[in-house]
Amino acid sequence: GKSRTVAACVVLLDRLLTARKDPRRITLLCQTNAAVDAVLHTLLARHGWDDFARLGSFKSVDPALLHRTVSLMSTRQAAAAELTEALARRPPELRQSLQAAVDSGVLPPRTVVWKRRRLI
């Protein structure tokens, strides 16, 4: 119930802001990382809405959202090290594709990514 309600509110607010050509962003704050992830999954699954970047530690993010997570570490190298460490605890089928993205420099996303998204 709560995640669905918040997700629907985010989509509605996005539509209102877009209609007014308002560039402001929406900040989603929850008591737990799991609650943030639940809202983001609902946005993706029920609304097909993906204009978000998830800020936080790779260690506490749902594996399905790792590719949309922007680390708050001070350097990109530190963020890549944290992501690699988080991937080591994931199943091989998930780890391989994401590790290849880390090795090629695609992940972790650069900090500027969140500045282009409506929801952070």
Protein backbone atom coordinates (compact mmCIF):
# COMPACT_ATOMS: atom_id res chain seq x y z
CA GLY A 1 0.00 0.00 0.00
CA LYS A 2 2.51 2.68 1.04
CA SER A 3 4.98 2.07 -1.79
CA ARG A 4 2.20 2.07 -4.37
CA THR A 5 0.75 5.28 -3.00
CA VAL A 6 4.11 7.08 -2.93
CA ALA A 7 4.95 5.84 -6.44
CA ALA A 8 1.61 7.08 -7.79
CA CYS A 9 2.21 10.46 -6.13
CA VAL A 10 5.67 10.70 -7.71
CA VAL A 11 4.25 10.00 -11.17
CA LEU A 12 1.45 12.53 -10.67
CA LEU A 13 3.85 15.18 -9.39
CA ASP A 14 6.15 14.52 -12.36
CA ARG A 15 3.24 15.02 -14.77
CA LEU A 16 2.27 18.27 -13.07
CA LEU A 17 5.84 19.59 -13.12
CA THR A 18 6.30 18.56 -16.74
CA ALA A 19 3.04 20.22 -17.81
CA ARG A 20 4.22 23.47 -16.22
CA LYS A 21 7.71 23.06 -17.72
CA ASP A 22 9.02 23.21 -14.18
CA PRO A 23 12.59 21.82 -13.95
CA ARG A 24 12.52 21.14 -10.21
CA ARG A 25 13.33 17.67 -9.00
CA ILE A 26 11.64 15.39 -6.51
CA THR A 27 13.55 14.02 -3.53
CA LEU A 28 12.41 10.69 -2.12
CA LEU A 29 13.36 10.03 1.48
CA CYS A 30 12.35 6.93 3.41
CA GLN A 31 13.08 5.46 6.83
CA THR A 32 14.95 2.49 5.31
CA ASN A 33 16.87 1.60 2.16
CA ALA A 34 14.40 -1.21 1.57
CA ALA A 35 11.53 1.28 1.52
CA VAL A 36 13.31 3.46 -1.06
CA ASP A 37 13.96 0.38 -3.20
CA ALA A 38 10.32 -0.73 -2.89
CA VAL A 39 9.07 2.62 -4.21
CA LEU A 40 11.59 2.57 -7.07
CA HIS A 41 10.61 -0.99 -8.02
CA THR A 42 6.96 0.06 -8.01
CA LEU A 43 7.74 3.04 -10.25
CA LEU A 44 9.46 0.72 -12.73
CA ALA A 45 7.03 -2.20 -12.61
CA ARG A 46 3.63 -0.51 -12.31
CA HIS A 47 4.24 2.82 -14.02
CA GLY A 48 7.15 2.19 -16.39
CA TRP A 49 8.67 5.35 -14.92
CA ASP A 50 12.46 5.40 -14.76
CA ASP A 51 13.52 9.04 -14.50
CA PHE A 52 15.39 8.49 -11.25
CA ALA A 53 18.84 8.03 -9.82
CA ARG A 54 19.25 6.23 -6.53
CA LEU A 55 21.80 7.82 -4.23
CA GLY A 56 23.56 5.77 -1.59
CA SER A 57 25.88 2.95 -0.75
CA PHE A 58 26.10 0.03 -3.15
CA LYS A 59 26.19 -2.29 -0.14
CA SER A 60 22.61 -1.48 0.88
CA VAL A 61 20.89 -1.28 -2.51
CA ASP A 62 18.69 -3.96 -4.04
CA PRO A 63 20.80 -5.74 -6.71
CA ALA A 64 18.28 -4.89 -9.43
CA LEU A 65 18.90 -1.18 -8.79
CA LEU A 66 22.71 -1.23 -8.67
CA HIS A 67 23.02 0.10 -12.22
CA ARG A 68 20.88 3.14 -11.26
CA THR A 69 22.76 3.91 -8.06
CA VAL A 70 25.05 6.91 -7.76
CA SER A 71 27.59 6.52 -4.98
CA LEU A 72 28.23 9.30 -2.51
CA MET A 73 31.87 8.25 -2.13
CA SER A 74 34.41 11.06 -2.52
CA THR A 75 36.10 9.65 -5.65
CA ARG A 76 35.03 7.54 -8.61
CA GLN A 77 37.76 5.01 -7.74
CA ALA A 78 36.36 4.61 -4.23
CA ALA A 79 32.85 4.18 -5.67
CA ALA A 80 34.12 1.53 -8.12
CA ALA A 81 35.86 -0.31 -5.27
CA GLU A 82 32.66 -0.22 -3.18
CA LEU A 83 30.60 -1.50 -6.12
CA THR A 84 33.07 -4.30 -6.82
CA GLU A 85 32.92 -5.31 -3.15
CA ALA A 86 29.11 -5.28 -3.24
CA LEU A 87 29.09 -7.37 -6.43
CA ALA A 88 31.32 -10.01 -4.84
CA ARG A 89 28.38 -10.94 -2.60
CA ARG A 90 25.92 -11.31 -5.50
CA PRO A 91 25.06 -14.39 -7.59
CA PRO A 92 27.43 -15.01 -10.55
CA GLU A 93 24.76 -14.31 -13.20
CA LEU A 94 24.20 -10.82 -11.80
CA ARG A 95 27.82 -10.18 -10.92
CA GLN A 96 29.30 -10.91 -14.35
CA SER A 97 27.44 -8.30 -16.41
CA LEU A 98 27.70 -5.60 -13.76
CA GLN A 99 31.40 -6.31 -13.14
CA ALA A 100 32.03 -6.02 -16.89
CA ALA A 101 30.37 -2.58 -16.76
CA VAL A 102 32.61 -1.59 -13.83
CA ASP A 103 35.70 -2.83 -15.66
CA SER A 104 34.79 -0.85 -18.80
CA GLY A 105 34.10 2.33 -16.81
CA VAL A 106 30.35 2.45 -17.45
CA LEU A 107 29.59 1.82 -13.78
CA PRO A 108 29.42 3.31 -11.28
CA PRO A 109 27.46 6.19 -12.81
CA ARG A 110 29.11 9.56 -12.56
CA THR A 111 27.70 11.99 -10.02
CA VAL A 112 26.30 14.23 -12.78
CA VAL A 113 23.80 11.48 -13.61
CA TRP A 114 21.55 12.37 -10.70
CA LYS A 115 21.46 16.00 -11.79
CA ARG A 116 19.64 14.99 -14.99
CA ARG A 117 16.96 12.90 -13.28
CA ARG A 118 13.60 14.10 -11.95
CA LEU A 119 13.67 11.88 -8.85
CA ILE A 120 16.63 11.49 -6.55
